[in-house]
């Protein structure tokens, strides 16, 4: 007899370059191929999981992607080590009990204008910028618990939005200027500068 029960969820943590954020990785896909940046509690309507996480007083922001959740702590929370066991247990139980991670209907209502998805009406440069972000930048920054989304392109300037651990990270500007801007200028000669828009 085969019983269908909830699978055992394991969660492990990874440090990110941003000392204020911690990446919690699950052995289960949470939001395959997409990401949701819940920068504060007012945006948590789109994610029942984020709403629950905000009930912890030390959580300032929640970022959900593929198979991980990146949490940003409040500056007055001293040490991640004090709160990691509590968060891991919570995430494990929430996912094992089949808790809803993201409510797609609510996400659709929120209309997130920053995206790396290529649209039919994108011009050639924008298409190339988005493809470069999707294929080269996204896998690297996801390893660090963040995301970088395309916002706009105007007259040689690419405007990006930093999410998850990238938002407010001391090293994100170095990554942006030395890494992403350098690569884009080499691969897309029309690009003169890459800038980041704070949320």
N, C-alpha and C. Protein backbone atom coordinates (compact mmCIF):
# COMPACT_ATOMS: atom_id res chain seq x y z
N UNK A 1 0.84 -1.19 0.00
CA UNK A 1 0.00 0.00 0.00
C UNK A 1 0.89 1.25 0.00
N UNK A 2 0.56 2.17 -0.88
CA UNK A 2 1.35 3.40 -0.96
C UNK A 2 0.58 4.52 -0.25
N UNK A 3 1.22 5.12 0.71
CA UNK A 3 0.56 6.26 1.36
C UNK A 3 1.21 7.54 0.87
N UNK A 4 0.37 8.49 0.55
CA UNK A 4 0.93 9.77 0.10
C UNK A 4 0.91 10.71 1.29
N UNK A 5 2.06 10.91 1.83
CA UNK A 5 2.17 11.84 2.95
C UNK A 5 3.04 12.99 2.55
N UNK A 6 3.24 13.90 3.46
CA UNK A 6 4.12 15.01 3.12
C UNK A 6 5.56 14.50 3.16
N UNK A 7 6.35 15.00 2.24
CA UNK A 7 7.74 14.56 2.21
C UNK A 7 8.52 15.29 3.31
N UNK A 8 9.62 14.69 3.69
CA UNK A 8 10.45 15.30 4.72
C UNK A 8 11.22 16.46 4.09
N UNK A 9 11.08 17.60 4.69
CA UNK A 9 11.74 18.80 4.19
C UNK A 9 13.01 19.04 5.00
N UNK A 10 14.08 19.31 4.30
CA UNK A 10 15.28 19.73 5.04
C UNK A 10 15.64 21.14 4.60
N UNK A 11 16.11 21.91 5.55
CA UNK A 11 16.48 23.31 5.31
C UNK A 11 17.92 23.49 5.76
N UNK A 12 18.72 24.12 4.92
CA UNK A 12 20.05 24.49 5.39
C UNK A 12 20.27 25.97 5.08
N UNK A 13 21.20 26.57 5.82
CA UNK A 13 21.43 28.00 5.64
C UNK A 13 22.74 28.23 4.90
N UNK A 14 22.77 29.36 4.19
CA UNK A 14 24.00 29.80 3.52
C UNK A 14 24.18 31.27 3.84
N UNK A 15 25.40 31.64 4.17
CA UNK A 15 25.72 33.05 4.36
C UNK A 15 25.61 33.73 2.99
N UNK A 16 25.31 35.01 2.99
CA UNK A 16 25.32 35.77 1.74
C UNK A 16 26.37 36.87 1.92
N UNK A 17 26.76 37.54 0.83
CA UNK A 17 27.75 38.63 0.99
C UNK A 17 27.19 39.78 1.84
N UNK A 18 25.88 39.83 2.00
CA UNK A 18 25.25 40.89 2.79
C UNK A 18 25.07 40.39 4.23
N UNK A 19 25.75 41.00 5.21
CA UNK A 19 25.66 40.50 6.58
C UNK A 19 24.26 40.59 7.19
N UNK A 20 23.41 41.42 6.60
CA UNK A 20 22.04 41.56 7.12
C UNK A 20 21.10 40.45 6.63
N UNK A 21 21.55 39.68 5.63
CA UNK A 21 20.66 38.66 5.06
C UNK A 21 21.22 37.25 5.24
N UNK A 22 20.30 36.29 5.29
CA UNK A 22 20.67 34.87 5.39
C UNK A 22 19.79 34.11 4.39
N UNK A 23 20.39 33.15 3.71
CA UNK A 23 19.67 32.36 2.71
C UNK A 23 19.29 31.02 3.34
N UNK A 24 18.00 30.69 3.27
CA UNK A 24 17.49 29.41 3.78
C UNK A 24 17.09 28.56 2.58
N UNK A 25 17.81 27.48 2.36
CA UNK A 25 17.62 26.65 1.16
C UNK A 25 16.85 25.39 1.52
N UNK A 26 15.82 25.08 0.72
CA UNK A 26 15.00 23.89 0.97
C UNK A 26 15.32 22.82 -0.06
N UNK A 27 15.01 21.56 0.28
CA UNK A 27 15.20 20.46 -0.68
C UNK A 27 13.92 20.29 -1.51
N UNK A 28 13.26 21.39 -1.75
CA UNK A 28 11.98 21.38 -2.48
C UNK A 28 11.88 22.70 -3.24
N UNK A 29 11.31 22.67 -4.43
CA UNK A 29 11.12 23.92 -5.18
C UNK A 29 10.01 24.72 -4.53
N UNK A 30 10.28 25.97 -4.24
CA UNK A 30 9.29 26.84 -3.61
C UNK A 30 8.57 27.71 -4.63
N UNK A 31 9.36 28.25 -5.56
CA UNK A 31 8.80 29.16 -6.57
C UNK A 31 9.63 29.01 -7.83
N UNK A 32 9.46 27.86 -8.54
CA UNK A 32 10.34 27.51 -9.67
C UNK A 32 10.38 28.57 -10.77
N UNK A 33 11.57 28.97 -11.12
CA UNK A 33 11.78 29.88 -12.25
C UNK A 33 11.34 31.31 -12.03
N UNK A 34 10.89 31.62 -10.83
CA UNK A 34 10.41 32.98 -10.56
C UNK A 34 10.96 33.46 -9.23
N UNK A 35 10.71 34.74 -8.94
CA UNK A 35 11.08 35.25 -7.62
C UNK A 35 10.07 36.30 -7.18
N UNK A 36 9.97 36.46 -5.88
CA UNK A 36 9.06 37.44 -5.30
C UNK A 36 9.80 38.18 -4.20
N UNK A 37 9.87 39.49 -4.35
CA UNK A 37 10.56 40.31 -3.37
C UNK A 37 9.51 40.97 -2.48
N UNK A 38 9.48 40.59 -1.22
CA UNK A 38 8.52 41.16 -0.27
C UNK A 38 9.34 42.08 0.63
N UNK A 39 9.49 43.33 0.17
CA UNK A 39 10.39 44.27 0.84
C UNK A 39 9.87 44.73 2.20
N UNK A 40 8.56 44.64 2.39
CA UNK A 40 8.02 44.94 3.73
C UNK A 40 6.68 44.23 3.89
N UNK A 41 6.16 44.28 5.11
CA UNK A 41 4.99 43.48 5.47
C UNK A 41 3.74 43.84 4.65
N UNK A 42 3.65 45.09 4.18
CA UNK A 42 2.46 45.50 3.41
C UNK A 42 2.35 44.74 2.09
N UNK A 43 3.47 44.21 1.60
CA UNK A 43 3.46 43.48 0.32
C UNK A 43 3.23 41.98 0.51
N UNK A 44 3.07 41.56 1.76
CA UNK A 44 3.01 40.12 2.06
C UNK A 44 1.70 39.46 1.63
N UNK A 45 0.74 40.22 1.10
CA UNK A 45 -0.52 39.61 0.66
C UNK A 45 -0.29 38.55 -0.41
N UNK A 46 0.77 38.71 -1.19
CA UNK A 46 1.04 37.77 -2.28
C UNK A 46 1.70 36.48 -1.80
N UNK A 47 2.13 36.46 -0.55
CA UNK A 47 2.81 35.26 -0.06
C UNK A 47 2.42 34.95 1.39
N UNK A 48 1.56 33.93 1.56
CA UNK A 48 1.23 33.51 2.91
C UNK A 48 2.47 33.13 3.73
N UNK A 49 3.49 32.58 3.07
CA UNK A 49 4.72 32.24 3.76
C UNK A 49 5.40 33.50 4.29
N UNK A 50 5.51 34.52 3.44
CA UNK A 50 6.14 35.78 3.86
C UNK A 50 5.35 36.40 5.02
N UNK A 51 4.03 36.33 4.92
CA UNK A 51 3.19 36.90 5.98
C UNK A 51 3.51 36.26 7.33
N UNK A 52 3.65 34.93 7.32
CA UNK A 52 4.00 34.21 8.55
C UNK A 52 5.41 34.60 9.03
N UNK A 53 6.34 34.74 8.10
CA UNK A 53 7.72 35.09 8.48
C UNK A 53 7.79 36.48 9.12
N UNK A 54 6.93 37.38 8.66
CA UNK A 54 6.92 38.73 9.24
C UNK A 54 6.40 38.73 10.68
N UNK A 55 5.80 37.61 11.12
CA UNK A 55 5.36 37.56 12.52
C UNK A 55 6.54 37.44 13.48
N UNK A 56 7.73 37.10 12.93
CA UNK A 56 8.95 37.12 13.75
C UNK A 56 9.42 38.57 13.82
N UNK A 57 9.62 39.11 15.02
CA UNK A 57 9.93 40.54 15.16
C UNK A 57 11.25 40.97 14.52
N UNK A 58 12.15 40.01 14.27
CA UNK A 58 13.47 40.37 13.74
C UNK A 58 13.55 40.32 12.22
N UNK A 59 12.42 40.00 11.54
CA UNK A 59 12.44 39.91 10.07
C UNK A 59 12.02 41.25 9.45
N UNK A 60 12.88 41.77 8.57
CA UNK A 60 12.62 43.06 7.95
C UNK A 60 12.14 42.92 6.50
N UNK A 61 12.65 41.90 5.80
CA UNK A 61 12.27 41.68 4.40
C UNK A 61 12.40 40.20 4.05
N UNK A 62 11.58 39.77 3.06
CA UNK A 62 11.56 38.37 2.64
C UNK A 62 11.70 38.34 1.11
N UNK A 63 12.57 37.47 0.62
CA UNK A 63 12.74 37.28 -0.82
C UNK A 63 12.63 35.79 -1.11
N UNK A 64 11.68 35.42 -1.98
CA UNK A 64 11.44 34.01 -2.28
C UNK A 64 11.82 33.75 -3.73
N UNK A 65 12.60 32.70 -3.97
CA UNK A 65 12.95 32.33 -5.34
C UNK A 65 13.07 30.82 -5.39
N UNK A 66 13.28 30.32 -6.59
CA UNK A 66 13.47 28.90 -6.88
C UNK A 66 13.28 27.96 -5.69
N UNK A 67 14.38 27.64 -4.97
CA UNK A 67 14.28 26.70 -3.84
C UNK A 67 14.80 27.33 -2.55
N UNK A 68 14.73 28.66 -2.46
CA UNK A 68 15.24 29.29 -1.25
C UNK A 68 14.44 30.52 -0.84
N UNK A 69 14.63 30.91 0.42
CA UNK A 69 14.06 32.13 0.97
C UNK A 69 15.23 32.91 1.54
N UNK A 70 15.39 34.17 1.13
CA UNK A 70 16.41 35.01 1.72
C UNK A 70 15.71 35.96 2.68
N UNK A 71 16.17 35.99 3.92
CA UNK A 71 15.58 36.85 4.92
C UNK A 71 16.55 37.96 5.30
N UNK A 72 15.99 39.16 5.45
CA UNK A 72 16.78 40.29 5.92
C UNK A 72 16.35 40.58 7.34
N UNK A 73 17.33 40.67 8.24
CA UNK A 73 17.00 40.89 9.65
C UNK A 73 16.99 42.39 9.96
N UNK A 74 16.35 42.74 11.05
CA UNK A 74 16.37 44.14 11.49
C UNK A 74 17.78 44.44 12.00
N UNK A 75 18.25 45.68 11.85
CA UNK A 75 19.62 46.01 12.26
C UNK A 75 19.88 45.77 13.75
N UNK A 76 18.85 45.86 14.58
CA UNK A 76 19.07 45.68 16.01
C UNK A 76 19.08 44.20 16.44
N UNK A 77 18.87 43.28 15.49
CA UNK A 77 19.02 41.86 15.82
C UNK A 77 20.50 41.54 15.75
N UNK A 78 21.06 41.12 16.86
CA UNK A 78 22.51 40.98 16.94
C UNK A 78 23.09 39.94 16.00
N UNK A 79 22.64 38.72 16.14
CA UNK A 79 23.35 37.65 15.47
C UNK A 79 22.37 36.67 14.83
N UNK A 80 22.66 36.30 13.60
CA UNK A 80 21.82 35.31 12.92
C UNK A 80 21.79 33.99 13.70
N UNK A 81 22.92 33.63 14.28
CA UNK A 81 23.01 32.32 14.95
C UNK A 81 21.94 32.15 16.03
N UNK A 82 21.52 33.27 16.63
CA UNK A 82 20.51 33.19 17.69
C UNK A 82 19.13 32.80 17.14
N UNK A 83 18.85 33.17 15.90
CA UNK A 83 17.49 32.99 15.36
C UNK A 83 17.39 31.90 14.29
N UNK A 84 18.51 31.45 13.74
CA UNK A 84 18.48 30.44 12.67
C UNK A 84 17.71 29.18 13.06
N UNK A 85 17.95 28.58 14.24
CA UNK A 85 17.22 27.35 14.56
C UNK A 85 15.70 27.53 14.55
N UNK A 86 15.24 28.66 15.05
CA UNK A 86 13.80 28.95 15.09
C UNK A 86 13.24 29.04 13.67
N UNK A 87 13.93 29.76 12.80
CA UNK A 87 13.47 29.94 11.41
C UNK A 87 13.49 28.60 10.67
N UNK A 88 14.55 27.84 10.83
CA UNK A 88 14.65 26.54 10.14
C UNK A 88 13.49 25.63 10.55
N UNK A 89 13.21 25.57 11.84
CA UNK A 89 12.10 24.73 12.32
C UNK A 89 10.78 25.21 11.75
N UNK A 90 10.58 26.53 11.78
CA UNK A 90 9.34 27.08 11.24
C UNK A 90 9.17 26.73 9.76
N UNK A 91 10.22 26.97 8.95
CA UNK A 91 10.14 26.69 7.50
C UNK A 91 9.89 25.21 7.24
N UNK A 92 10.57 24.36 7.97
CA UNK A 92 10.40 22.91 7.82
C UNK A 92 8.95 22.51 8.05
N UNK A 93 8.40 22.95 9.17
CA UNK A 93 7.02 22.58 9.51
C UNK A 93 6.03 23.19 8.53
N UNK A 94 6.25 24.44 8.15
CA UNK A 94 5.35 25.13 7.22
C UNK A 94 5.28 24.38 5.89
N UNK A 95 6.44 24.01 5.36
CA UNK A 95 6.50 23.33 4.06
C UNK A 95 6.01 21.88 4.15
N UNK A 96 6.33 21.19 5.26
CA UNK A 96 5.87 19.80 5.42
C UNK A 96 4.36 19.74 5.54
N UNK A 97 3.76 20.78 6.10
CA UNK A 97 2.31 20.83 6.25
C UNK A 97 1.61 21.36 5.00
N UNK A 98 2.37 21.57 3.93
CA UNK A 98 1.79 22.01 2.66
C UNK A 98 1.38 23.47 2.64
N UNK A 99 2.04 24.28 3.45
CA UNK A 99 1.71 25.71 3.49
C UNK A 99 1.93 26.36 2.13
N UNK A 100 1.09 27.34 1.81
CA UNK A 100 1.18 28.04 0.52
C UNK A 100 2.36 29.01 0.57
N UNK A 101 3.21 28.93 -0.44
CA UNK A 101 4.39 29.80 -0.50
C UNK A 101 4.02 31.12 -1.16
N UNK A 102 3.43 31.04 -2.35
CA UNK A 102 3.07 32.25 -3.11
C UNK A 102 1.66 32.09 -3.67
N UNK A 103 0.87 33.14 -3.56
CA UNK A 103 -0.47 33.16 -4.13
C UNK A 103 -0.40 33.89 -5.48
N UNK A 104 -0.41 33.11 -6.57
CA UNK A 104 -0.22 33.68 -7.91
C UNK A 104 -1.24 34.75 -8.27
N UNK A 105 -2.50 34.58 -7.82
CA UNK A 105 -3.53 35.58 -8.15
C UNK A 105 -3.16 36.94 -7.57
N UNK A 106 -2.66 36.93 -6.33
CA UNK A 106 -2.26 38.19 -5.69
C UNK A 106 -1.03 38.79 -6.37
N UNK A 107 -0.11 37.92 -6.81
CA UNK A 107 1.09 38.41 -7.50
C UNK A 107 0.68 39.12 -8.78
N UNK A 108 -0.27 38.53 -9.51
CA UNK A 108 -0.73 39.12 -10.76
C UNK A 108 -1.33 40.51 -10.51
N UNK A 109 -2.05 40.66 -9.40
CA UNK A 109 -2.66 41.96 -9.06
C UNK A 109 -1.60 43.01 -8.75
N UNK A 110 -0.47 42.55 -8.19
CA UNK A 110 0.56 43.51 -7.77
C UNK A 110 1.28 44.16 -8.95
N UNK A 111 1.21 43.54 -10.10
CA UNK A 111 1.87 44.06 -11.30
C UNK A 111 3.31 44.48 -11.01
N UNK A 112 4.19 43.50 -11.08
CA UNK A 112 5.60 43.82 -10.89
C UNK A 112 6.19 44.21 -12.24
N UNK A 113 6.58 45.46 -12.33
CA UNK A 113 7.03 45.93 -13.64
C UNK A 113 8.47 45.56 -13.96
N UNK A 114 9.25 45.18 -12.97
CA UNK A 114 10.64 44.80 -13.24
C UNK A 114 10.72 43.32 -13.56
N UNK A 115 11.20 43.01 -14.74
CA UNK A 115 11.29 41.60 -15.13
C UNK A 115 12.36 41.40 -16.19
N UNK A 116 12.93 40.21 -16.21
CA UNK A 116 13.94 39.89 -17.22
C UNK A 116 13.33 39.12 -18.39
N UNK A 117 12.00 38.96 -18.38
CA UNK A 117 11.34 38.24 -19.47
C UNK A 117 11.33 39.10 -20.72
N UNK A 118 11.75 38.52 -21.83
CA UNK A 118 11.79 39.26 -23.09
C UNK A 118 10.37 39.37 -23.66
N UNK A 119 9.96 40.59 -23.97
CA UNK A 119 8.64 40.83 -24.57
C UNK A 119 8.80 41.07 -26.07
N UNK A 120 7.74 40.82 -26.79
CA UNK A 120 7.77 40.99 -28.25
C UNK A 120 8.09 42.43 -28.65
N UNK A 121 7.66 43.39 -27.83
CA UNK A 121 7.88 44.79 -28.21
C UNK A 121 9.20 45.38 -27.68
N UNK A 122 10.02 44.54 -27.05
CA UNK A 122 11.34 45.02 -26.61
C UNK A 122 12.21 45.27 -27.84
N UNK A 123 12.99 46.35 -27.80
CA UNK A 123 13.89 46.54 -28.93
C UNK A 123 15.11 45.62 -28.77
N UNK A 124 15.93 45.59 -29.80
CA UNK A 124 17.02 44.61 -29.88
C UNK A 124 17.97 44.71 -28.68
N UNK A 125 18.33 45.92 -28.28
CA UNK A 125 19.27 46.10 -27.17
C UNK A 125 18.66 45.58 -25.88
N UNK A 126 17.40 45.91 -25.62
CA UNK A 126 16.71 45.46 -24.40
C UNK A 126 16.65 43.93 -24.37
N UNK A 127 16.35 43.32 -25.51
CA UNK A 127 16.32 41.84 -25.59
C UNK A 127 17.67 41.26 -25.18
N UNK A 128 18.75 41.85 -25.72
CA UNK A 128 20.08 41.34 -25.43
C UNK A 128 20.45 41.54 -23.95
N UNK A 129 20.07 42.69 -23.40
CA UNK A 129 20.33 42.97 -21.98
C UNK A 129 19.61 41.95 -21.10
N UNK A 130 18.32 41.72 -21.39
CA UNK A 130 17.53 40.78 -20.58
C UNK A 130 18.08 39.36 -20.69
N UNK A 131 18.47 38.95 -21.89
CA UNK A 131 19.03 37.60 -22.06
C UNK A 131 20.33 37.44 -21.29
N UNK A 132 21.15 38.48 -21.31
CA UNK A 132 22.41 38.44 -20.58
C UNK A 132 22.14 38.32 -19.07
N UNK A 133 21.18 39.11 -18.57
CA UNK A 133 20.82 39.04 -17.14
C UNK A 133 20.32 37.65 -16.78
N UNK A 134 19.45 37.11 -17.62
CA UNK A 134 18.83 35.81 -17.35
C UNK A 134 19.85 34.67 -17.36
N UNK A 135 20.75 34.70 -18.36
CA UNK A 135 21.67 33.58 -18.56
C UNK A 135 22.95 33.65 -17.75
N UNK A 136 23.44 34.86 -17.48
CA UNK A 136 24.73 34.99 -16.81
C UNK A 136 24.64 35.55 -15.40
N UNK A 137 23.81 36.57 -15.22
CA UNK A 137 23.76 37.25 -13.92
C UNK A 137 22.87 36.50 -12.93
N UNK A 138 21.69 36.08 -13.38
CA UNK A 138 20.73 35.45 -12.47
C UNK A 138 21.31 34.24 -11.72
N UNK A 139 21.95 33.29 -12.42
CA UNK A 139 22.47 32.12 -11.68
C UNK A 139 23.49 32.52 -10.61
N UNK A 140 24.32 33.52 -10.90
CA UNK A 140 25.36 33.93 -9.95
C UNK A 140 24.76 34.61 -8.73
N UNK A 141 23.84 35.56 -8.95
CA UNK A 141 23.29 36.28 -7.79
C UNK A 141 22.32 35.41 -7.00
N UNK A 142 21.69 34.44 -7.64
CA UNK A 142 20.81 33.53 -6.89
C UNK A 142 21.62 32.70 -5.91
N UNK A 143 22.86 32.37 -6.29
CA UNK A 143 23.72 31.62 -5.36
C UNK A 143 23.95 32.42 -4.08
N UNK A 144 23.94 33.74 -4.22
CA UNK A 144 24.12 34.61 -3.06
C UNK A 144 22.81 35.03 -2.42
N UNK A 145 21.70 34.44 -2.87
CA UNK A 145 20.40 34.72 -2.25
C UNK A 145 19.72 35.98 -2.71
N UNK A 146 20.07 36.44 -3.89
CA UNK A 146 19.46 37.68 -4.39
C UNK A 146 18.97 37.56 -5.81
N UNK A 147 18.56 38.70 -6.35
CA UNK A 147 18.12 38.77 -7.74
C UNK A 147 18.36 40.17 -8.26
N UNK A 148 18.60 40.26 -9.56
CA UNK A 148 18.75 41.55 -10.20
C UNK A 148 17.80 41.56 -11.39
N UNK A 149 16.85 42.49 -11.37
CA UNK A 149 15.82 42.54 -12.40
C UNK A 149 16.03 43.76 -13.29
N UNK A 150 15.69 43.59 -14.57
CA UNK A 150 15.75 44.69 -15.53
C UNK A 150 14.62 45.67 -15.24
N UNK A 151 14.94 46.96 -15.23
CA UNK A 151 13.93 47.99 -14.99
C UNK A 151 13.70 48.79 -16.27
N UNK A 152 14.79 49.33 -16.83
CA UNK A 152 14.63 50.12 -18.06
C UNK A 152 15.97 50.29 -18.78
N UNK A 153 15.88 50.69 -20.04
CA UNK A 153 17.07 51.03 -20.83
C UNK A 153 16.78 52.33 -21.54
N UNK A 154 17.70 53.28 -21.39
CA UNK A 154 17.48 54.56 -22.04
C UNK A 154 18.82 55.18 -22.41
N UNK A 155 19.03 55.35 -23.69
CA UNK A 155 20.19 56.09 -24.16
C UNK A 155 21.51 55.58 -23.60
N UNK A 156 21.73 54.26 -23.66
CA UNK A 156 22.99 53.69 -23.21
C UNK A 156 23.05 53.34 -21.74
N UNK A 157 22.02 53.72 -20.97
CA UNK A 157 22.02 53.44 -19.53
C UNK A 157 21.02 52.34 -19.20
N UNK A 158 21.52 51.26 -18.57
CA UNK A 158 20.67 50.16 -18.14
C UNK A 158 20.36 50.38 -16.65
N UNK A 159 19.08 50.39 -16.33
CA UNK A 159 18.64 50.58 -14.95
C UNK A 159 18.15 49.24 -14.41
N UNK A 160 18.74 48.78 -13.31
CA UNK A 160 18.40 47.49 -12.73
C UNK A 160 17.83 47.66 -11.32
N UNK A 161 17.10 46.66 -10.87
CA UNK A 161 16.56 46.68 -9.52
C UNK A 161 17.18 45.53 -8.73
N UNK A 162 17.74 45.84 -7.56
CA UNK A 162 18.39 44.83 -6.73
C UNK A 162 17.39 44.29 -5.72
N UNK A 163 17.32 42.96 -5.59
CA UNK A 163 16.36 42.33 -4.69
C UNK A 163 17.04 41.30 -3.80
N UNK A 164 16.33 40.90 -2.75
CA UNK A 164 16.86 39.89 -1.85
C UNK A 164 18.13 40.36 -1.18
N UNK A 165 19.14 39.50 -1.13
CA UNK A 165 20.39 39.88 -0.45
C UNK A 165 21.14 40.98 -1.20
N UNK A 166 20.84 41.18 -2.48
CA UNK A 166 21.53 42.23 -3.26
C UNK A 166 21.10 43.62 -2.81
N UNK A 167 19.86 43.72 -2.33
CA UNK A 167 19.34 45.01 -1.90
C UNK A 167 20.03 45.44 -0.61
N UNK A 168 20.73 46.55 -0.66
CA UNK A 168 21.42 47.04 0.53
C UNK A 168 22.71 46.32 0.87
N UNK A 169 23.18 45.49 -0.04
CA UNK A 169 24.42 44.75 0.24
C UNK A 169 25.63 45.63 -0.07
N UNK A 170 26.59 45.67 0.86
CA UNK A 170 27.78 46.51 0.63
C UNK A 170 28.53 46.15 -0.66
N UNK A 171 28.57 44.87 -1.01
CA UNK A 171 29.35 44.49 -2.19
C UNK A 171 28.54 44.51 -3.49
N UNK A 172 27.24 44.84 -3.41
CA UNK A 172 26.43 44.77 -4.64
C UNK A 172 26.85 45.83 -5.66
N UNK A 173 27.33 46.99 -5.19
CA UNK A 173 27.74 48.02 -6.14
C UNK A 173 29.00 47.60 -6.90
N UNK A 174 29.88 46.89 -6.23
CA UNK A 174 31.08 46.37 -6.89
C UNK A 174 30.67 45.36 -7.95
N UNK A 175 29.76 44.45 -7.55
CA UNK A 175 29.25 43.45 -8.50
C UNK A 175 28.62 44.14 -9.70
N UNK A 176 27.82 45.17 -9.41
CA UNK A 176 27.10 45.88 -10.46
C UNK A 176 28.06 46.56 -11.42
N UNK A 177 29.00 47.33 -10.88
CA UNK A 177 29.90 48.11 -11.72
C UNK A 177 30.99 47.25 -12.36
N UNK A 178 31.73 46.51 -11.51
CA UNK A 178 32.86 45.74 -12.03
C UNK A 178 32.41 44.53 -12.82
N UNK A 179 31.37 43.85 -12.31
CA UNK A 179 30.93 42.61 -12.95
C UNK A 179 29.95 42.83 -14.08
N UNK A 180 28.76 43.26 -13.71
CA UNK A 180 27.67 43.34 -14.69
C UNK A 180 27.92 44.42 -15.75
N UNK A 181 28.29 45.62 -15.31
CA UNK A 181 28.54 46.70 -16.27
C UNK A 181 29.67 46.33 -17.23
N UNK A 182 30.74 45.77 -16.69
CA UNK A 182 31.87 45.37 -17.53
C UNK A 182 31.47 44.35 -18.59
N UNK A 183 30.70 43.34 -18.15
CA UNK A 183 30.27 42.30 -19.08
C UNK A 183 29.32 42.86 -20.15
N UNK A 184 28.38 43.71 -19.72
CA UNK A 184 27.43 44.26 -20.69
C UNK A 184 28.12 45.14 -21.72
N UNK A 185 29.07 45.96 -21.27
CA UNK A 185 29.77 46.83 -22.21
C UNK A 185 30.54 46.00 -23.25
N UNK A 186 31.11 44.86 -22.79
CA UNK A 186 31.84 43.99 -23.73
C UNK A 186 30.89 43.32 -24.72
N UNK A 187 29.76 42.83 -24.20
CA UNK A 187 28.88 42.02 -25.04
C UNK A 187 27.83 42.84 -25.79
N UNK A 188 27.49 44.01 -25.25
CA UNK A 188 26.51 44.88 -25.90
C UNK A 188 27.12 46.28 -25.97
N UNK A 189 27.80 46.59 -27.07
CA UNK A 189 28.57 47.85 -27.17
C UNK A 189 27.72 49.11 -26.94
N UNK A 190 26.41 49.02 -27.19
CA UNK A 190 25.55 50.19 -27.01
C UNK A 190 25.42 50.61 -25.55
N UNK A 191 25.68 49.66 -24.63
CA UNK A 191 25.53 49.96 -23.20
C UNK A 191 26.74 50.78 -22.72
N UNK A 192 26.44 51.94 -22.14
CA UNK A 192 27.49 52.83 -21.63
C UNK A 192 27.62 52.73 -20.11
N UNK A 193 26.49 52.49 -19.43
CA UNK A 193 26.52 52.48 -17.97
C UNK A 193 25.40 51.60 -17.43
N UNK A 194 25.66 51.02 -16.26
CA UNK A 194 24.62 50.22 -15.57
C UNK A 194 24.41 50.87 -14.20
N UNK A 195 23.17 51.20 -13.90
CA UNK A 195 22.86 51.80 -12.59
C UNK A 195 21.81 50.96 -11.88
N UNK A 196 21.77 51.11 -10.55
CA UNK A 196 20.79 50.35 -9.76
C UNK A 196 19.81 51.30 -9.14
N UNK A 197 18.56 50.88 -9.16
CA UNK A 197 17.52 51.66 -8.53
C UNK A 197 17.22 51.01 -7.19
N UNK A 198 17.33 51.76 -6.13
CA UNK A 198 16.98 51.22 -4.83
C UNK A 198 15.47 51.10 -4.80
N UNK A 199 14.99 50.10 -4.08
CA UNK A 199 13.55 49.89 -4.05
C UNK A 199 12.87 50.97 -3.26
